[in-house]
Amino acid sequence: DGAEKNTLDDISFTFRPGEHIALVGMNGAGKTTLVKLLCGLYKPTSGDIKINGVSVNDFLRDDYYRLFSPVFQDVQTAFFSLAETVAGTLDGEVDKHRAEECMRKAGLGTKIDSLPDGIDTKLDKQVNKNGIELSGGEAQKLMMARALYKDAPVLVLDEPTAALDPIAENEIYLHYRDMTAGKTSLFISHRLASTQFCDRILFLSGGKIIEEGTHDELIANGGEYSKLYEIQSCWYRDDYKKEASSNDT
């Protein structure tokens, strides 16, 4: 509302069941807007979104929300325990075994093992003696665990590793296939090296899908995806690192 022009325009594509799709592009390309449309947080000004041919307008809101487990860039936590936060419910209704399993899958195993109260640790350091305050990366992992606990058929990850260090980020990617087994997943990232495990990549620019294919197909095409990947990949090459080290010397 209030924007001078559409964020997305003439967007049309289909997710296949169990498919892992990556959305990539520069800032402002419309990736997060597309995800929020899909999750029902925004409504399109024209066109329609359909699930198995049924318009989202024909779903009850709660039924539609149950289809998606999203992890957004902005993370907010309240004064509940780790287990309660992951389960999205209060202590008496929490499946603690499942909550802990999801936290470990999301990379929080070492963290909960170090806490006297484990998964029952409260996220209110100011009030409880054993309460804690999570780092940005730990909070993102907790949101990942919450998405796994919800166990919706569609997993939506909007820059899920933005606050993680490279080692933690790599661990998430190594476990990505296991975490998304049997699910349809949509993965947003600015780091193109992280999209290679996806079945299909959609490259957005100016609110439109300008390229579509696998990582290898898009590299072979030599288009915008390939150019951006080439720019980013130089940061990881040994010759670049040697050159940088030489310059520093």
C-alpha atoms as a PDB file:
ATOM      1  CA  ASP A   1       0.000   0.000   0.000  1.00  0.00           C
ATOM      2  CA  GLY A   2       1.214   3.487  -0.847  1.00  0.00           C
ATOM      3  CA  ALA A   3       3.977   2.335  -3.194  1.00  0.00           C
ATOM      4  CA  GLU A   4       4.418   4.241  -6.453  1.00  0.00           C
ATOM      5  CA  LYS A   5       4.742   1.036  -8.458  1.00  0.00           C
ATOM      6  CA  ASN A   6       4.284  -2.711  -8.058  1.00  0.00           C
ATOM      7  CA  THR A   7       7.054  -4.567  -6.251  1.00  0.00           C
ATOM      8  CA  LEU A   8       6.324  -7.649  -8.385  1.00  0.00           C
ATOM      9  CA  ASP A   9       4.874  -7.635 -11.879  1.00  0.00           C
ATOM     10  CA  ASP A  10       3.779 -10.427 -14.227  1.00  0.00           C
ATOM     11  CA  ILE A  11       5.046 -13.180 -11.907  1.00  0.00           C
ATOM     12  CA  SER A  12       3.948 -16.702 -12.830  1.00  0.00           C
ATOM     13  CA  PHE A  13       5.457 -20.022 -11.769  1.00  0.00           C
ATOM     14  CA  THR A  14       4.531 -23.371 -10.204  1.00  0.00           C
ATOM     15  CA  PHE A  15       6.016 -25.304  -7.277  1.00  0.00           C
ATOM     16  CA  ARG A  16       6.027 -29.057  -7.665  1.00  0.00           C
ATOM     17  CA  PRO A  17       5.482 -31.212  -4.545  1.00  0.00           C
ATOM     18  CA  GLY A  18       8.774 -31.979  -2.796  1.00  0.00           C
ATOM     19  CA  GLU A  19      10.709 -29.504  -4.940  1.00  0.00           C
ATOM     20  CA  HIS A  20      13.450 -27.327  -3.439  1.00  0.00           C
ATOM     21  CA  ILE A  21      13.442 -23.885  -5.069  1.00  0.00           C
ATOM     22  CA  ALA A  22      15.844 -20.986  -4.552  1.00  0.00           C
ATOM     23  CA  LEU A  23      14.876 -17.339  -5.041  1.00  0.00           C
ATOM     24  CA  VAL A  24      17.886 -15.154  -5.763  1.00  0.00           C
ATOM     25  CA  GLY A  25      18.524 -11.606  -6.929  1.00  0.00           C
ATOM     26  CA  MET A  26      19.800  -8.242  -5.772  1.00  0.00           C
ATOM     27  CA  ASN A  27      18.264  -6.237  -2.917  1.00  0.00           C
ATOM     28  CA  GLY A  28      14.866  -4.876  -3.867  1.00  0.00           C
ATOM     29  CA  ALA A  29      14.201  -7.542  -6.501  1.00  0.00           C
ATOM     30  CA  GLY A  30      11.011  -8.611  -4.694  1.00  0.00           C
ATOM     31  CA  LYS A  31      12.078 -11.894  -3.088  1.00  0.00           C
ATOM     32  CA  THR A  32      10.722 -11.249   0.411  1.00  0.00           C
ATOM     33  CA  THR A  33       7.537  -9.708  -0.984  1.00  0.00           C
ATOM     34  CA  LEU A  34       6.941 -12.862  -3.019  1.00  0.00           C
ATOM     35  CA  VAL A  35       7.413 -15.016   0.083  1.00  0.00           C
ATOM     36  CA  LYS A  36       5.005 -12.906   2.132  1.00  0.00           C
ATOM     37  CA  LEU A  37       2.423 -13.176  -0.651  1.00  0.00           C
ATOM     38  CA  LEU A  38       2.826 -16.932  -0.645  1.00  0.00           C
ATOM     39  CA  CYS A  39       2.466 -17.144   3.131  1.00  0.00           C
ATOM     40  CA  GLY A  40      -0.720 -15.069   3.087  1.00  0.00           C
ATOM     41  CA  LEU A  41       0.756 -12.025   4.848  1.00  0.00           C
ATOM     42  CA  TYR A  42       0.143  -9.855   1.770  1.00  0.00           C
ATOM     43  CA  LYS A  43      -2.649 -10.040  -0.794  1.00  0.00           C
ATOM     44  CA  PRO A  44      -1.881  -9.577  -4.506  1.00  0.00           C
ATOM     45  CA  THR A  45      -3.456  -6.496  -6.130  1.00  0.00           C
ATOM     46  CA  SER A  46      -4.225  -8.665  -9.155  1.00  0.00           C
ATOM     47  CA  GLY A  47      -3.880 -12.313 -10.131  1.00  0.00           C
ATOM     48  CA  ASP A  48      -4.234 -15.283  -7.817  1.00  0.00           C
ATOM     49  CA  ILE A  49      -2.263 -17.790  -5.764  1.00  0.00           C
ATOM     50  CA  LYS A  50      -3.546 -21.359  -5.901  1.00  0.00           C
ATOM     51  CA  ILE A  51      -2.795 -24.486  -3.887  1.00  0.00           C
ATOM     52  CA  ASN A  52      -3.602 -27.619  -5.899  1.00  0.00           C
ATOM     53  CA  GLY A  53      -5.822 -25.442  -8.081  1.00  0.00           C
ATOM     54  CA  VAL A  54      -7.717 -23.913  -5.154  1.00  0.00           C
ATOM     55  CA  SER A  55      -7.494 -20.127  -4.689  1.00  0.00           C
ATOM     56  CA  VAL A  56      -6.090 -18.916  -1.374  1.00  0.00           C
ATOM     57  CA  ASN A  57      -9.273 -16.865  -1.059  1.00  0.00           C
ATOM     58  CA  ASP A  58     -11.229 -20.108  -0.637  1.00  0.00           C
ATOM     59  CA  PHE A  59      -9.156 -21.276   2.353  1.00  0.00           C
ATOM     60  CA  LEU A  60      -9.945 -20.563   5.987  1.00  0.00           C
ATOM     61  CA  ARG A  61      -7.089 -18.385   7.225  1.00  0.00           C
ATOM     62  CA  ASP A  62      -5.910 -20.829   9.925  1.00  0.00           C
ATOM     63  CA  ASP A  63      -6.021 -23.755   7.492  1.00  0.00           C
ATOM     64  CA  TYR A  64      -3.913 -21.814   5.004  1.00  0.00           C
ATOM     65  CA  TYR A  65      -1.330 -20.803   7.626  1.00  0.00           C
ATOM     66  CA  ARG A  66      -0.907 -24.470   8.599  1.00  0.00           C
ATOM     67  CA  LEU A  67       0.541 -25.158   5.143  1.00  0.00           C
ATOM     68  CA  PHE A  68       3.682 -23.089   5.753  1.00  0.00           C
ATOM     69  CA  SER A  69       6.609 -23.120   8.155  1.00  0.00           C
ATOM     70  CA  PRO A  70       8.389 -19.797   7.527  1.00  0.00           C
ATOM     71  CA  VAL A  71      11.712 -18.526   8.831  1.00  0.00           C
ATOM     72  CA  PHE A  72      12.041 -14.795   8.152  1.00  0.00           C
ATOM     73  CA  GLN A  73      15.068 -12.519   8.413  1.00  0.00           C
ATOM     74  CA  ASP A  74      13.739 -10.559  11.387  1.00  0.00           C
ATOM     75  CA  VAL A  75      13.740 -12.655  14.557  1.00  0.00           C
ATOM     76  CA  GLN A  76      11.700 -11.821  17.652  1.00  0.00           C
ATOM     77  CA  THR A  77      11.570 -13.857  20.866  1.00  0.00           C
ATOM     78  CA  ALA A  78       9.574 -13.383  24.069  1.00  0.00           C
ATOM     79  CA  PHE A  79       9.975 -14.442  27.702  1.00  0.00           C
ATOM     80  CA  PHE A  80       9.297 -18.156  27.206  1.00  0.00           C
ATOM     81  CA  SER A  81      11.546 -21.202  27.448  1.00  0.00           C
ATOM     82  CA  LEU A  82      13.492 -22.517  24.484  1.00  0.00           C
ATOM     83  CA  ALA A  83      11.113 -25.494  24.220  1.00  0.00           C
ATOM     84  CA  GLU A  84       8.008 -23.293  24.421  1.00  0.00           C
ATOM     85  CA  THR A  85       9.374 -20.952  21.772  1.00  0.00           C
ATOM     86  CA  VAL A  86      10.077 -23.835  19.419  1.00  0.00           C
ATOM     87  CA  ALA A  87       6.672 -25.432  20.009  1.00  0.00           C
ATOM     88  CA  GLY A  88       4.773 -22.147  19.876  1.00  0.00           C
ATOM     89  CA  THR A  89       2.750 -23.202  22.900  1.00  0.00           C
ATOM     90  CA  LEU A  90       2.981 -23.333  26.695  1.00  0.00           C
ATOM     91  CA  ASP A  91       4.817 -25.969  28.721  1.00  0.00           C
ATOM     92  CA  GLY A  92       1.955 -28.401  29.293  1.00  0.00           C
ATOM     93  CA  GLU A  93       1.387 -28.837  25.554  1.00  0.00           C
ATOM     94  CA  VAL A  94       5.034 -29.047  24.468  1.00  0.00           C
ATOM     95  CA  ASP A  95       6.411 -32.285  23.055  1.00  0.00           C
ATOM     96  CA  LYS A  96       9.825 -31.813  24.667  1.00  0.00           C
ATOM     97  CA  HIS A  97      11.467 -34.766  22.961  1.00  0.00           C
ATOM     98  CA  ARG A  98      10.435 -33.426  19.573  1.00  0.00           C
ATOM     99  CA  ALA A  99      11.397 -29.847  20.493  1.00  0.00           C
ATOM    100  CA  GLU A 100      14.893 -30.944  21.506  1.00  0.00           C
ATOM    101  CA  GLU A 101      15.282 -33.057  18.364  1.00  0.00           C
ATOM    102  CA  CYS A 102      14.379 -30.048  16.199  1.00  0.00           C
ATOM    103  CA  MET A 103      16.810 -27.789  18.070  1.00  0.00           C
ATOM    104  CA  ARG A 104      19.627 -30.249  17.564  1.00  0.00           C
ATOM    105  CA  LYS A 105      18.822 -30.556  13.857  1.00  0.00           C
ATOM    106  CA  ALA A 106      18.976 -26.770  13.616  1.00  0.00           C
ATOM    107  CA  GLY A 107      22.456 -26.715  15.173  1.00  0.00           C
ATOM    108  CA  LEU A 108      21.668 -25.824  18.810  1.00  0.00           C
ATOM    109  CA  GLY A 109      22.829 -29.091  20.363  1.00  0.00           C
ATOM    110  CA  THR A 110      26.014 -27.693  21.903  1.00  0.00           C
ATOM    111  CA  LYS A 111      24.122 -24.681  23.223  1.00  0.00           C
ATOM    112  CA  ILE A 112      21.409 -26.619  25.057  1.00  0.00           C
ATOM    113  CA  ASP A 113      23.982 -29.089  26.443  1.00  0.00           C
ATOM    114  CA  SER A 114      25.790 -26.144  28.053  1.00  0.00           C
ATOM    115  CA  LEU A 115      22.706 -24.843  29.864  1.00  0.00           C
ATOM    116  CA  PRO A 116      21.815 -26.036  33.396  1.00  0.00           C
ATOM    117  CA  ASP A 117      18.112 -26.066  32.510  1.00  0.00           C
ATOM    118  CA  GLY A 118      18.612 -27.327  28.952  1.00  0.00           C
ATOM    119  CA  ILE A 119      15.604 -26.786  26.699  1.00  0.00           C
ATOM    120  CA  ASP A 120      13.641 -25.426  29.687  1.00  0.00           C
ATOM    121  CA  THR A 121      15.954 -22.402  29.892  1.00  0.00           C
ATOM    122  CA  LYS A 122      13.997 -19.155  29.806  1.00  0.00           C
ATOM    123  CA  LEU A 123      14.712 -16.374  27.320  1.00  0.00           C
ATOM    124  CA  ASP A 124      14.516 -13.692  30.029  1.00  0.00           C
ATOM    125  CA  LYS A 125      17.970 -13.095  31.417  1.00  0.00           C
ATOM    126  CA  GLN A 126      16.767 -10.028  33.345  1.00  0.00           C
ATOM    127  CA  VAL A 127      14.204 -11.999  35.364  1.00  0.00           C
ATOM    128  CA  ASN A 128      15.448 -15.583  35.772  1.00  0.00           C
ATOM    129  CA  LYS A 129      18.809 -16.473  37.289  1.00  0.00           C
ATOM    130  CA  ASN A 130      19.461 -19.101  34.634  1.00  0.00           C
ATOM    131  CA  GLY A 131      17.825 -17.116  31.829  1.00  0.00           C
ATOM    132  CA  ILE A 132      19.783 -16.404  28.655  1.00  0.00           C
ATOM    133  CA  GLU A 133      19.945 -13.964  25.776  1.00  0.00           C
ATOM    134  CA  LEU A 134      20.591 -15.530  22.365  1.00  0.00           C
ATOM    135  CA  SER A 135      22.968 -14.169  19.757  1.00  0.00           C
ATOM    136  CA  GLY A 136      21.549 -13.280  16.353  1.00  0.00           C
ATOM    137  CA  GLY A 137      22.780 -16.551  14.861  1.00  0.00           C
ATOM    138  CA  GLU A 138      21.393 -18.624  17.745  1.00  0.00           C
ATOM    139  CA  ALA A 139      18.011 -16.898  17.445  1.00  0.00           C
ATOM    140  CA  GLN A 140      17.889 -17.747  13.735  1.00  0.00           C
ATOM    141  CA  LYS A 141      18.662 -21.376  14.529  1.00  0.00           C
ATOM    142  CA  LEU A 142      15.858 -21.341  17.105  1.00  0.00           C
ATOM    143  CA  MET A 143      13.453 -20.076  14.428  1.00  0.00           C
ATOM    144  CA  MET A 144      14.660 -22.863  12.145  1.00  0.00           C
ATOM    145  CA  ALA A 145      13.904 -25.362  14.909  1.00  0.00           C
ATOM    146  CA  ARG A 146      10.426 -23.851  15.306  1.00  0.00           C
ATOM    147  CA  ALA A 147       9.763 -24.283  11.590  1.00  0.00           C
ATOM    148  CA  LEU A 148      10.848 -27.924  11.801  1.00  0.00           C
ATOM    149  CA  TYR A 149       8.639 -28.494  14.864  1.00  0.00           C
ATOM    150  CA  LYS A 150       5.589 -27.109  13.062  1.00  0.00           C
ATOM    151  CA  ASP A 151       6.204 -29.702  10.337  1.00  0.00           C
ATOM    152  CA  ALA A 152       4.136 -27.952   7.645  1.00  0.00           C
ATOM    153  CA  PRO A 153       4.312 -29.338   4.084  1.00  0.00           C
ATOM    154  CA  VAL A 154       5.984 -26.153   2.778  1.00  0.00           C
ATOM    155  CA  LEU A 155       9.156 -24.786   4.391  1.00  0.00           C
ATOM    156  CA  VAL A 156       9.975 -21.145   3.604  1.00  0.00           C
ATOM    157  CA  LEU A 157      13.457 -19.871   4.474  1.00  0.00           C
ATOM    158  CA  ASP A 158      14.082 -16.158   3.934  1.00  0.00           C
ATOM    159  CA  GLU A 159      17.834 -15.613   4.384  1.00  0.00           C
ATOM    160  CA  PRO A 160      17.980 -18.188   7.235  1.00  0.00           C
ATOM    161  CA  THR A 161      21.773 -17.981   7.559  1.00  0.00           C
ATOM    162  CA  ALA A 162      22.184 -14.186   7.391  1.00  0.00           C
ATOM    163  CA  ALA A 163      23.332 -13.916  11.021  1.00  0.00           C
ATOM    164  CA  LEU A 164      25.454 -17.090  11.034  1.00  0.00           C
ATOM    165  CA  ASP A 165      29.215 -17.388  10.699  1.00  0.00           C
ATOM    166  CA  PRO A 166      30.543 -19.321   7.652  1.00  0.00           C
ATOM    167  CA  ILE A 167      31.074 -22.571   9.607  1.00  0.00           C
ATOM    168  CA  ALA A 168      27.561 -22.541  11.071  1.00  0.00           C
ATOM    169  CA  GLU A 169      26.160 -21.598   7.670  1.00  0.00           C
ATOM    170  CA  ASN A 170      27.892 -24.559   6.038  1.00  0.00           C
ATOM    171  CA  GLU A 171      26.469 -26.910   8.694  1.00  0.00           C
ATOM    172  CA  ILE A 172      22.950 -25.705   7.883  1.00  0.00           C
ATOM    173  CA  TYR A 173      23.500 -26.374   4.180  1.00  0.00           C
ATOM    174  CA  LEU A 174      24.902 -29.847   4.875  1.00  0.00           C
ATOM    175  CA  HIS A 175      21.732 -30.734   6.808  1.00  0.00           C
ATOM    176  CA  TYR A 176      19.348 -28.875   4.488  1.00  0.00           C
ATOM    177  CA  ARG A 177      18.296 -31.967   2.523  1.00  0.00           C
ATOM    178  CA  ASP A 178      17.580 -33.888   5.722  1.00  0.00           C
ATOM    179  CA  MET A 179      15.612 -31.000   7.210  1.00  0.00           C
ATOM    180  CA  THR A 180      13.479 -30.615   4.071  1.00  0.00           C
ATOM    181  CA  ALA A 181      12.975 -34.310   3.279  1.00  0.00           C
ATOM    182  CA  GLY A 182       9.455 -34.909   2.000  1.00  0.00           C
ATOM    183  CA  LYS A 183       8.663 -31.178   1.968  1.00  0.00           C
ATOM    184  CA  THR A 184       8.391 -28.479  -0.631  1.00  0.00           C
ATOM    185  CA  SER A 185      10.842 -25.713   0.241  1.00  0.00           C
ATOM    186  CA  LEU A 186      11.504 -22.155  -0.872  1.00  0.00           C
ATOM    187  CA  PHE A 187      14.933 -20.781  -0.054  1.00  0.00           C
ATOM    188  CA  ILE A 188      16.004 -17.134  -0.361  1.00  0.00           C
ATOM    189  CA  SER A 189      19.661 -16.183  -0.266  1.00  0.00           C
ATOM    190  CA  HIS A 190      21.980 -13.442  -1.505  1.00  0.00           C
ATOM    191  CA  ARG A 191      24.858 -15.940  -1.520  1.00  0.00           C
ATOM    192  CA  LEU A 192      24.599 -17.844  -4.773  1.00  0.00           C
ATOM    193  CA  ALA A 193      27.050 -20.518  -3.615  1.00  0.00           C
ATOM    194  CA  SER A 194      24.363 -21.633  -1.160  1.00  0.00           C
ATOM    195  CA  THR A 195      21.750 -22.371  -3.853  1.00  0.00           C
ATOM    196  CA  GLN A 196      23.484 -25.245  -5.638  1.00  0.00           C
ATOM    197  CA  PHE A 197      21.619 -27.928  -3.655  1.00  0.00           C
ATOM    198  CA  CYS A 198      18.232 -26.625  -4.855  1.00  0.00           C
ATOM    199  CA  ASP A 199      16.331 -28.341  -7.678  1.00  0.00           C
ATOM    200  CA  ARG A 200      15.477 -25.079  -9.401  1.00  0.00           C
ATOM    201  CA  ILE A 201      16.596 -21.454  -9.140  1.00  0.00           C
ATOM    202  CA  LEU A 202      14.474 -18.404  -9.948  1.00  0.00           C
ATOM    203  CA  PHE A 203      16.497 -15.230 -10.556  1.00  0.00           C
ATOM    204  CA  LEU A 204      14.483 -12.075  -9.854  1.00  0.00           C
ATOM    205  CA  SER A 205      15.286  -8.601 -11.119  1.00  0.00           C
ATOM    206  CA  GLY A 206      13.050  -5.538 -11.183  1.00  0.00           C
ATOM    207  CA  GLY A 207      10.129  -7.516  -9.785  1.00  0.00           C
ATOM    208  CA  LYS A 208      10.222 -10.121 -12.562  1.00  0.00           C
ATOM    209  CA  ILE A 209      11.629 -13.619 -13.004  1.00  0.00           C
ATOM    210  CA  ILE A 210      14.295 -13.128 -15.667  1.00  0.00           C
ATOM    211  CA  GLU A 211      16.054 -16.515 -15.456  1.00  0.00           C
ATOM    212  CA  GLU A 212      15.039 -20.004 -14.330  1.00  0.00           C
ATOM    213  CA  GLY A 213      16.885 -23.327 -14.175  1.00  0.00           C
ATOM    214  CA  THR A 214      19.377 -25.376 -12.180  1.00  0.00           C
ATOM    215  CA  HIS A 215      22.655 -23.873 -11.003  1.00  0.00           C
ATOM    216  CA  ASP A 216      24.602 -25.607 -13.779  1.00  0.00           C
ATOM    217  CA  GLU A 217      22.075 -24.561 -16.432  1.00  0.00           C
ATOM    218  CA  LEU A 218      22.175 -20.914 -15.381  1.00  0.00           C
ATOM    219  CA  ILE A 219      25.972 -20.883 -15.269  1.00  0.00           C
ATOM    220  CA  ALA A 220      26.082 -22.394 -18.774  1.00  0.00           C
ATOM    221  CA  ASN A 221      23.641 -19.768 -20.064  1.00  0.00           C
ATOM    222  CA  GLY A 222      26.042 -16.990 -19.130  1.00  0.00           C
ATOM    223  CA  GLY A 223      23.247 -14.620 -18.056  1.00  0.00           C
ATOM    224  CA  GLU A 224      22.767 -12.377 -15.019  1.00  0.00           C
ATOM    225  CA  TYR A 225      22.911 -15.264 -12.547  1.00  0.00           C
ATOM    226  CA  SER A 226      26.205 -16.432 -14.016  1.00  0.00           C
ATOM    227  CA  LYS A 227      27.668 -12.909 -13.876  1.00  0.00           C
ATOM    228  CA  LEU A 228      26.640 -12.403 -10.251  1.00  0.00           C
ATOM    229  CA  TYR A 229      27.946 -15.843  -9.278  1.00  0.00           C
ATOM    230  CA  GLU A 230      31.286 -15.025 -10.909  1.00  0.00           C
ATOM    231  CA  ILE A 231      31.530 -11.792  -8.928  1.00  0.00           C
ATOM    232  CA  GLN A 232      30.773 -13.544  -5.636  1.00  0.00           C
ATOM    233  CA  SER A 233      32.900 -16.622  -6.255  1.00  0.00           C
ATOM    234  CA  CYS A 234      36.123 -14.622  -6.480  1.00  0.00           C
ATOM    235  CA  TRP A 235      35.963 -14.112  -2.732  1.00  0.00           C
ATOM    236  CA  TYR A 236      36.373 -17.846  -2.189  1.00  0.00           C
ATOM    237  CA  ARG A 237      39.111 -18.607  -4.687  1.00  0.00           C
ATOM    238  CA  ASP A 238      42.571 -19.468  -3.464  1.00  0.00           C
ATOM    239  CA  ASP A 239      44.219 -17.138  -5.973  1.00  0.00           C
ATOM    240  CA  TYR A 240      42.162 -14.199  -4.663  1.00  0.00           C
ATOM    241  CA  LYS A 241      43.064 -15.049  -1.085  1.00  0.00           C
ATOM    242  CA  LYS A 242      46.764 -15.287  -1.990  1.00  0.00           C
ATOM    243  CA  GLU A 243      46.582 -11.958  -3.821  1.00  0.00           C
ATOM    244  CA  ALA A 244      44.853 -10.316  -0.849  1.00  0.00           C
ATOM    245  CA  SER A 245      47.468 -11.744   1.522  1.00  0.00           C
ATOM    246  CA  SER A 246      50.270 -10.501  -0.732  1.00  0.00           C
ATOM    247  CA  ASN A 247      48.767  -7.024  -0.876  1.00  0.00           C
ATOM    248  CA  ASP A 248      48.432  -6.926   2.906  1.00  0.00           C
ATOM    249  CA  THR A 249      52.110  -7.855   3.218  1.00  0.00           C
END
